[in-house]
Amino acid sequence: MAELADYKAELKFMHYGVTISGGLVFDFFQNKPVVAHPVAEDLMLKIIDAALEERAMIHLLGVYNSLMTEYDIQHSADFQMAVYQDMYNRICERCDDFKAYIHAHPNEIIKVNVYHRTPESMYRNLERLKDLPLTFAIAAAWYQ
């Protein structure tokens, strides 16, 4: 929900929102989740391992927070995400050890964005993760 902070005034009359790619139904009046579908801890660790293997940019989205490494925020252009760098700088909590965070906060992450430098890197990770019970959305400009 951190990504919606810039739109608080526009959303003040909206009671409920389906957010984080459908992983969270949020009650804006009560400022709390109605329904949340977190990614299981074991799946989170597999996604993080795959992303780290490719040195991909990891972006974790929870109910109230958004996490990235400082390095990735400052190098978001390397992952075709420069347009979001200002937002990342303002809203993201810095996290240098995603695995430790997941162990300390199980079942809090609703969505994982993994951004790659190249299509080849992305395809390698899709191959690594294809048998997991996950839904993948590919939004890269170079995806075909």
N, C-alpha and C. Protein backbone atom coordinates (compact mmCIF):
# COMPACT_ATOMS: atom_id res chain seq x y z
N MET A 1 0.81 -1.19 0.00
CA MET A 1 0.00 0.00 0.00
C MET A 1 0.86 1.26 0.00
N ALA A 2 2.14 1.09 0.23
CA ALA A 2 3.02 2.26 0.25
C ALA A 2 2.97 3.00 -1.08
N GLU A 3 2.78 2.27 -2.17
CA GLU A 3 2.74 2.89 -3.49
C GLU A 3 1.53 3.81 -3.67
N LEU A 4 0.52 3.66 -2.85
CA LEU A 4 -0.67 4.50 -2.96
C LEU A 4 -0.59 5.77 -2.11
N ALA A 5 0.47 5.95 -1.37
CA ALA A 5 0.60 7.11 -0.48
C ALA A 5 0.44 8.43 -1.24
N ASP A 6 0.94 8.49 -2.46
CA ASP A 6 0.83 9.72 -3.26
C ASP A 6 -0.61 10.03 -3.67
N TYR A 7 -1.49 9.07 -3.55
CA TYR A 7 -2.87 9.23 -4.03
C TYR A 7 -3.88 9.26 -2.88
N LYS A 8 -3.40 9.50 -1.68
CA LYS A 8 -4.27 9.47 -0.50
C LYS A 8 -5.47 10.40 -0.64
N ALA A 9 -5.27 11.61 -1.13
CA ALA A 9 -6.37 12.57 -1.28
C ALA A 9 -7.39 12.07 -2.29
N GLU A 10 -6.93 11.50 -3.38
CA GLU A 10 -7.84 11.00 -4.41
C GLU A 10 -8.64 9.79 -3.94
N LEU A 11 -8.08 9.04 -3.00
CA LEU A 11 -8.74 7.82 -2.55
C LEU A 11 -9.57 8.00 -1.28
N LYS A 12 -9.66 9.21 -0.76
CA LYS A 12 -10.30 9.40 0.55
C LYS A 12 -11.78 9.02 0.56
N PHE A 13 -12.43 8.97 -0.58
CA PHE A 13 -13.85 8.59 -0.62
C PHE A 13 -14.04 7.13 -1.01
N MET A 14 -12.96 6.43 -1.28
CA MET A 14 -13.04 5.02 -1.68
C MET A 14 -12.97 4.15 -0.43
N HIS A 15 -13.98 3.34 -0.22
CA HIS A 15 -14.01 2.50 0.97
C HIS A 15 -13.05 1.31 0.83
N TYR A 16 -13.18 0.57 -0.26
CA TYR A 16 -12.37 -0.64 -0.45
C TYR A 16 -11.57 -0.52 -1.74
N GLY A 17 -10.44 -1.21 -1.75
CA GLY A 17 -9.63 -1.28 -2.95
C GLY A 17 -9.05 -2.67 -3.12
N VAL A 18 -9.08 -3.16 -4.35
CA VAL A 18 -8.39 -4.39 -4.70
C VAL A 18 -7.02 -3.95 -5.18
N THR A 19 -5.99 -4.30 -4.43
CA THR A 19 -4.66 -3.76 -4.65
C THR A 19 -3.62 -4.87 -4.79
N ILE A 20 -2.41 -4.46 -5.03
CA ILE A 20 -1.24 -5.35 -5.15
C ILE A 20 -1.57 -6.52 -6.08
N SER A 21 -2.00 -6.18 -7.26
CA SER A 21 -2.32 -7.17 -8.31
C SER A 21 -3.35 -8.19 -7.86
N GLY A 22 -4.28 -7.77 -7.03
CA GLY A 22 -5.34 -8.65 -6.56
C GLY A 22 -4.99 -9.42 -5.30
N GLY A 23 -3.78 -9.27 -4.79
CA GLY A 23 -3.36 -10.01 -3.60
C GLY A 23 -3.87 -9.44 -2.30
N LEU A 24 -4.48 -8.26 -2.36
CA LEU A 24 -4.93 -7.60 -1.14
C LEU A 24 -6.21 -6.82 -1.41
N VAL A 25 -7.21 -7.06 -0.59
CA VAL A 25 -8.40 -6.21 -0.56
C VAL A 25 -8.24 -5.38 0.70
N PHE A 26 -8.27 -4.06 0.52
CA PHE A 26 -7.94 -3.15 1.63
C PHE A 26 -9.11 -2.25 1.94
N ASP A 27 -9.38 -2.06 3.23
CA ASP A 27 -10.41 -1.14 3.70
C ASP A 27 -9.72 0.18 4.01
N PHE A 28 -9.90 1.18 3.15
CA PHE A 28 -9.24 2.47 3.32
C PHE A 28 -9.80 3.24 4.52
N PHE A 29 -11.08 3.06 4.84
CA PHE A 29 -11.66 3.77 5.98
C PHE A 29 -11.08 3.25 7.30
N GLN A 30 -10.91 1.95 7.39
CA GLN A 30 -10.37 1.34 8.61
C GLN A 30 -8.84 1.21 8.58
N ASN A 31 -8.25 1.47 7.42
CA ASN A 31 -6.80 1.35 7.22
C ASN A 31 -6.29 -0.05 7.60
N LYS A 32 -6.99 -1.06 7.07
CA LYS A 32 -6.58 -2.43 7.37
C LYS A 32 -7.01 -3.37 6.24
N PRO A 33 -6.33 -4.50 6.13
CA PRO A 33 -6.70 -5.47 5.10
C PRO A 33 -8.02 -6.15 5.41
N VAL A 34 -8.77 -6.43 4.36
CA VAL A 34 -9.98 -7.24 4.48
C VAL A 34 -9.61 -8.69 4.14
N VAL A 35 -8.89 -8.84 3.05
CA VAL A 35 -8.39 -10.15 2.61
C VAL A 35 -6.97 -9.94 2.11
N ALA A 36 -6.07 -10.79 2.54
CA ALA A 36 -4.68 -10.73 2.07
C ALA A 36 -4.23 -12.14 1.68
N HIS A 37 -3.51 -12.21 0.58
CA HIS A 37 -2.98 -13.48 0.09
C HIS A 37 -1.45 -13.38 0.02
N PRO A 38 -0.78 -13.58 1.15
CA PRO A 38 0.67 -13.48 1.14
C PRO A 38 1.32 -14.64 0.41
N VAL A 39 2.54 -14.40 -0.05
CA VAL A 39 3.33 -15.45 -0.69
C VAL A 39 3.96 -16.27 0.44
N ALA A 40 3.85 -17.58 0.36
CA ALA A 40 4.38 -18.47 1.40
C ALA A 40 5.89 -18.29 1.54
N GLU A 41 6.37 -18.46 2.75
CA GLU A 41 7.78 -18.24 3.06
C GLU A 41 8.70 -19.09 2.19
N ASP A 42 8.38 -20.37 1.99
CA ASP A 42 9.25 -21.24 1.19
C ASP A 42 9.31 -20.76 -0.26
N LEU A 43 8.20 -20.27 -0.79
CA LEU A 43 8.19 -19.73 -2.16
C LEU A 43 8.98 -18.43 -2.24
N MET A 44 8.82 -17.59 -1.21
CA MET A 44 9.57 -16.34 -1.18
C MET A 44 11.07 -16.60 -1.25
N LEU A 45 11.54 -17.57 -0.49
CA LEU A 45 12.97 -17.87 -0.46
C LEU A 45 13.46 -18.38 -1.82
N LYS A 46 12.65 -19.16 -2.51
CA LYS A 46 13.03 -19.65 -3.84
C LYS A 46 13.08 -18.51 -4.84
N ILE A 47 12.13 -17.59 -4.77
CA ILE A 47 12.13 -16.43 -5.66
C ILE A 47 13.36 -15.57 -5.40
N ILE A 48 13.66 -15.33 -4.14
CA ILE A 48 14.82 -14.52 -3.78
C ILE A 48 16.11 -15.18 -4.25
N ASP A 49 16.23 -16.49 -4.06
CA ASP A 49 17.43 -17.20 -4.54
C ASP A 49 17.60 -17.05 -6.04
N ALA A 50 16.51 -17.22 -6.78
CA ALA A 50 16.58 -17.10 -8.24
C ALA A 50 16.96 -15.67 -8.64
N ALA A 51 16.37 -14.70 -7.99
CA ALA A 51 16.68 -13.31 -8.31
C ALA A 51 18.13 -12.98 -8.00
N LEU A 52 18.61 -13.43 -6.86
CA LEU A 52 20.00 -13.17 -6.49
C LEU A 52 20.97 -13.85 -7.45
N GLU A 53 20.61 -15.02 -7.92
CA GLU A 53 21.48 -15.73 -8.87
C GLU A 53 21.67 -14.92 -10.15
N GLU A 54 20.65 -14.22 -10.57
CA GLU A 54 20.73 -13.39 -11.78
C GLU A 54 21.12 -11.95 -11.48
N ARG A 55 21.32 -11.63 -10.22
CA ARG A 55 21.57 -10.25 -9.77
C ARG A 55 20.47 -9.33 -10.30
N ALA A 56 19.24 -9.82 -10.14
CA ALA A 56 18.05 -9.07 -10.53
C ALA A 56 17.65 -8.13 -9.39
N MET A 57 16.84 -7.16 -9.71
CA MET A 57 16.34 -6.21 -8.72
C MET A 57 15.10 -6.80 -8.06
N ILE A 58 15.10 -6.86 -6.73
CA ILE A 58 13.99 -7.42 -5.96
C ILE A 58 13.22 -6.27 -5.33
N HIS A 59 11.90 -6.35 -5.45
CA HIS A 59 11.01 -5.36 -4.84
C HIS A 59 9.90 -6.14 -4.14
N LEU A 60 9.87 -6.07 -2.82
CA LEU A 60 8.86 -6.77 -2.04
C LEU A 60 7.76 -5.80 -1.63
N LEU A 61 6.51 -6.24 -1.77
CA LEU A 61 5.37 -5.41 -1.39
C LEU A 61 4.56 -6.11 -0.31
N GLY A 62 4.44 -5.43 0.83
CA GLY A 62 3.62 -5.92 1.93
C GLY A 62 2.37 -5.07 2.04
N VAL A 63 1.58 -5.34 3.06
CA VAL A 63 0.35 -4.59 3.27
C VAL A 63 0.65 -3.11 3.47
N TYR A 64 1.63 -2.80 4.28
CA TYR A 64 1.92 -1.40 4.61
C TYR A 64 3.29 -0.93 4.15
N ASN A 65 4.09 -1.81 3.60
CA ASN A 65 5.44 -1.40 3.24
C ASN A 65 5.88 -1.94 1.89
N SER A 66 6.98 -1.39 1.45
CA SER A 66 7.60 -1.73 0.18
C SER A 66 9.09 -1.75 0.45
N LEU A 67 9.80 -2.79 0.01
CA LEU A 67 11.21 -2.94 0.36
C LEU A 67 12.08 -3.16 -0.87
N MET A 68 13.24 -2.51 -0.86
CA MET A 68 14.26 -2.70 -1.90
C MET A 68 15.62 -2.43 -1.28
N THR A 69 16.67 -2.81 -2.01
CA THR A 69 18.00 -2.43 -1.56
C THR A 69 18.29 -1.01 -2.03
N GLU A 70 19.12 -0.32 -1.30
CA GLU A 70 19.54 1.03 -1.71
C GLU A 70 20.23 0.98 -3.07
N TYR A 71 21.07 -0.02 -3.27
CA TYR A 71 21.79 -0.15 -4.54
C TYR A 71 20.80 -0.24 -5.71
N ASP A 72 19.80 -1.11 -5.58
CA ASP A 72 18.85 -1.28 -6.68
C ASP A 72 18.05 -0.01 -6.94
N ILE A 73 17.68 0.69 -5.89
CA ILE A 73 16.95 1.94 -6.09
C ILE A 73 17.80 2.91 -6.90
N GLN A 74 19.06 3.04 -6.52
CA GLN A 74 19.93 4.00 -7.20
C GLN A 74 20.35 3.55 -8.60
N HIS A 75 20.17 2.26 -8.89
CA HIS A 75 20.52 1.72 -10.21
C HIS A 75 19.28 1.19 -10.95
N SER A 76 18.12 1.74 -10.64
CA SER A 76 16.89 1.23 -11.27
C SER A 76 16.89 1.37 -12.78
N ALA A 77 17.65 2.29 -13.32
CA ALA A 77 17.74 2.41 -14.78
C ALA A 77 18.34 1.15 -15.41
N ASP A 78 19.20 0.45 -14.68
CA ASP A 78 19.79 -0.79 -15.19
C ASP A 78 18.74 -1.86 -15.44
N PHE A 79 17.59 -1.69 -14.81
CA PHE A 79 16.51 -2.68 -14.90
C PHE A 79 15.29 -2.11 -15.64
N GLN A 80 15.49 -1.04 -16.40
CA GLN A 80 14.44 -0.34 -17.14
C GLN A 80 13.35 0.19 -16.22
N MET A 81 13.70 0.59 -15.02
CA MET A 81 12.72 1.07 -14.04
C MET A 81 13.03 2.49 -13.56
N ALA A 82 13.80 3.24 -14.31
CA ALA A 82 14.20 4.59 -13.89
C ALA A 82 13.00 5.50 -13.65
N VAL A 83 11.92 5.28 -14.37
CA VAL A 83 10.74 6.12 -14.21
C VAL A 83 10.19 6.06 -12.78
N TYR A 84 10.48 4.98 -12.06
CA TYR A 84 9.98 4.80 -10.70
C TYR A 84 11.01 5.15 -9.62
N GLN A 85 12.20 5.56 -10.01
CA GLN A 85 13.25 5.79 -9.02
C GLN A 85 12.86 6.81 -7.95
N ASP A 86 12.23 7.89 -8.35
CA ASP A 86 11.80 8.89 -7.37
C ASP A 86 10.83 8.28 -6.35
N MET A 87 9.86 7.52 -6.84
CA MET A 87 8.91 6.87 -5.93
C MET A 87 9.64 5.88 -5.02
N TYR A 88 10.51 5.05 -5.58
CA TYR A 88 11.26 4.10 -4.76
C TYR A 88 12.03 4.84 -3.66
N ASN A 89 12.68 5.93 -4.02
CA ASN A 89 13.45 6.70 -3.04
C ASN A 89 12.57 7.19 -1.90
N ARG A 90 11.35 7.59 -2.20
CA ARG A 90 10.46 8.16 -1.19
C ARG A 90 9.78 7.11 -0.33
N ILE A 91 9.37 5.99 -0.92
CA ILE A 91 8.49 5.08 -0.18
C ILE A 91 9.12 3.79 0.30
N CYS A 92 10.18 3.37 -0.33
CA CYS A 92 10.73 2.05 0.00
C CYS A 92 11.58 2.06 1.26
N GLU A 93 11.32 1.08 2.09
CA GLU A 93 12.22 0.79 3.19
C GLU A 93 13.43 0.10 2.56
N ARG A 94 14.60 0.39 3.11
CA ARG A 94 15.81 -0.26 2.60
C ARG A 94 16.01 -1.59 3.30
N CYS A 95 16.33 -2.59 2.51
CA CYS A 95 16.53 -3.94 3.03
C CYS A 95 17.75 -4.53 2.35
N ASP A 96 18.73 -4.92 3.13
CA ASP A 96 19.95 -5.50 2.57
C ASP A 96 19.95 -7.02 2.62
N ASP A 97 19.05 -7.62 3.36
CA ASP A 97 19.00 -9.08 3.48
C ASP A 97 17.53 -9.52 3.42
N PHE A 98 17.08 -9.80 2.21
CA PHE A 98 15.67 -10.18 2.02
C PHE A 98 15.33 -11.49 2.71
N LYS A 99 16.25 -12.44 2.70
CA LYS A 99 15.98 -13.72 3.36
C LYS A 99 15.77 -13.53 4.86
N ALA A 100 16.61 -12.75 5.48
CA ALA A 100 16.45 -12.48 6.92
C ALA A 100 15.12 -11.78 7.18
N TYR A 101 14.75 -10.86 6.30
CA TYR A 101 13.48 -10.17 6.46
C TYR A 101 12.32 -11.16 6.38
N ILE A 102 12.36 -12.05 5.41
CA ILE A 102 11.29 -13.04 5.23
C ILE A 102 11.19 -13.94 6.45
N HIS A 103 12.34 -14.38 6.97
CA HIS A 103 12.32 -15.23 8.18
C HIS A 103 11.75 -14.47 9.38
N ALA A 104 12.06 -13.20 9.48
CA ALA A 104 11.58 -12.40 10.62
C ALA A 104 10.13 -11.95 10.45
N HIS A 105 9.65 -11.91 9.20
CA HIS A 105 8.28 -11.43 8.91
C HIS A 105 7.57 -12.41 7.97
N PRO A 106 7.38 -13.66 8.40
CA PRO A 106 6.72 -14.63 7.50
C PRO A 106 5.28 -14.20 7.20
N ASN A 107 4.86 -14.52 6.00
CA ASN A 107 3.49 -14.27 5.55
C ASN A 107 3.09 -12.80 5.56
N GLU A 108 4.05 -11.90 5.36
CA GLU A 108 3.75 -10.48 5.27
C GLU A 108 3.88 -9.92 3.86
N ILE A 109 4.52 -10.65 2.97
CA ILE A 109 4.74 -10.15 1.62
C ILE A 109 3.62 -10.65 0.70
N ILE A 110 2.99 -9.71 0.03
CA ILE A 110 1.86 -10.02 -0.84
C ILE A 110 2.31 -10.21 -2.29
N LYS A 111 3.34 -9.48 -2.69
CA LYS A 111 3.78 -9.52 -4.09
C LYS A 111 5.29 -9.32 -4.15
N VAL A 112 5.90 -9.98 -5.12
CA VAL A 112 7.32 -9.83 -5.37
C VAL A 112 7.49 -9.38 -6.81
N ASN A 113 8.17 -8.26 -6.99
CA ASN A 113 8.58 -7.84 -8.33
C ASN A 113 10.05 -8.20 -8.49
N VAL A 114 10.38 -8.84 -9.59
CA VAL A 114 11.77 -9.15 -9.90
C VAL A 114 12.05 -8.56 -11.28
N TYR A 115 12.97 -7.61 -11.31
CA TYR A 115 13.31 -6.92 -12.55
C TYR A 115 14.69 -7.36 -12.99
N HIS A 116 14.81 -7.65 -14.27
CA HIS A 116 16.06 -8.17 -14.83
C HIS A 116 16.72 -7.16 -15.74
N ARG A 117 18.01 -7.34 -15.92
CA ARG A 117 18.77 -6.46 -16.83
C ARG A 117 18.56 -6.83 -18.30
N THR A 118 18.33 -8.11 -18.54
CA THR A 118 18.22 -8.58 -19.93
C THR A 118 17.08 -9.58 -20.06
N PRO A 119 16.57 -9.75 -21.26
CA PRO A 119 15.54 -10.79 -21.47
C PRO A 119 16.08 -12.18 -21.14
N GLU A 120 17.33 -12.43 -21.47
CA GLU A 120 17.91 -13.76 -21.22
C GLU A 120 17.89 -14.09 -19.72
N SER A 121 18.21 -13.11 -18.91
CA SER A 121 18.18 -13.28 -17.46
C SER A 121 16.76 -13.60 -16.98
N MET A 122 15.80 -12.87 -17.50
CA MET A 122 14.41 -13.10 -17.13
C MET A 122 13.97 -14.51 -17.52
N TYR A 123 14.31 -14.94 -18.73
CA TYR A 123 13.91 -16.27 -19.18
C TYR A 123 14.56 -17.37 -18.35
N ARG A 124 15.80 -17.17 -17.93
CA ARG A 124 16.44 -18.15 -17.05
C ARG A 124 15.66 -18.27 -15.74
N ASN A 125 15.25 -17.16 -15.18
CA ASN A 125 14.49 -17.22 -13.93
C ASN A 125 13.11 -17.80 -14.13
N LEU A 126 12.47 -17.49 -15.22
CA LEU A 126 11.17 -18.12 -15.49
C LEU A 126 11.31 -19.64 -15.56
N GLU A 127 12.39 -20.10 -16.16
CA GLU A 127 12.64 -21.53 -16.24
C GLU A 127 12.89 -22.11 -14.84
N ARG A 128 13.66 -21.41 -14.02
CA ARG A 128 13.94 -21.87 -12.65
C ARG A 128 12.66 -21.98 -11.81
N LEU A 129 11.74 -21.06 -12.01
CA LEU A 129 10.58 -20.94 -11.12
C LEU A 129 9.28 -21.49 -11.71
N LYS A 130 9.32 -21.98 -12.92
CA LYS A 130 8.09 -22.33 -13.64
C LYS A 130 7.22 -23.38 -12.97
N ASP A 131 7.80 -24.25 -12.16
CA ASP A 131 7.01 -25.31 -11.53
C ASP A 131 6.44 -24.92 -10.17
N LEU A 132 6.72 -23.71 -9.74
CA LEU A 132 6.17 -23.25 -8.46
C LEU A 132 4.71 -22.81 -8.64
N PRO A 133 3.90 -22.95 -7.61
CA PRO A 133 2.48 -22.54 -7.71
C PRO A 133 2.35 -21.01 -7.60
N LEU A 134 2.82 -20.34 -8.63
CA LEU A 134 2.82 -18.88 -8.67
C LEU A 134 2.21 -18.40 -9.97
N THR A 135 1.77 -17.17 -9.97
CA THR A 135 1.32 -16.52 -11.18
C THR A 135 2.37 -15.49 -11.56
N PHE A 136 2.82 -15.53 -12.81
CA PHE A 136 3.83 -14.61 -13.29
C PHE A 136 3.19 -13.60 -14.24
N ALA A 137 3.57 -12.38 -14.10
CA ALA A 137 3.17 -11.33 -15.04
C ALA A 137 4.45 -10.71 -15.57
N ILE A 138 4.58 -10.68 -16.86
CA ILE A 138 5.78 -10.11 -17.47
C ILE A 138 5.41 -8.75 -18.04
N ALA A 139 6.02 -7.74 -17.48
CA ALA A 139 5.68 -6.37 -17.87
C ALA A 139 6.87 -5.62 -18.46
N ALA A 140 7.93 -6.31 -18.77
CA ALA A 140 9.12 -5.67 -19.32
C ALA A 140 8.83 -5.15 -20.73
N ALA A 141 9.37 -3.98 -21.04
CA ALA A 141 9.15 -3.37 -22.35
C ALA A 141 9.70 -4.24 -23.47
N TRP A 142 10.74 -5.01 -23.19
CA TRP A 142 11.36 -5.81 -24.24
C TRP A 142 10.78 -7.22 -24.33
N TYR A 143 9.77 -7.55 -23.54
CA TYR A 143 9.17 -8.89 -23.58
C TYR A 143 8.35 -9.08 -24.86
N GLN A 144 8.53 -10.22 -25.46
CA GLN A 144 7.74 -10.57 -26.67
C GLN A 144 7.26 -11.99 -26.57
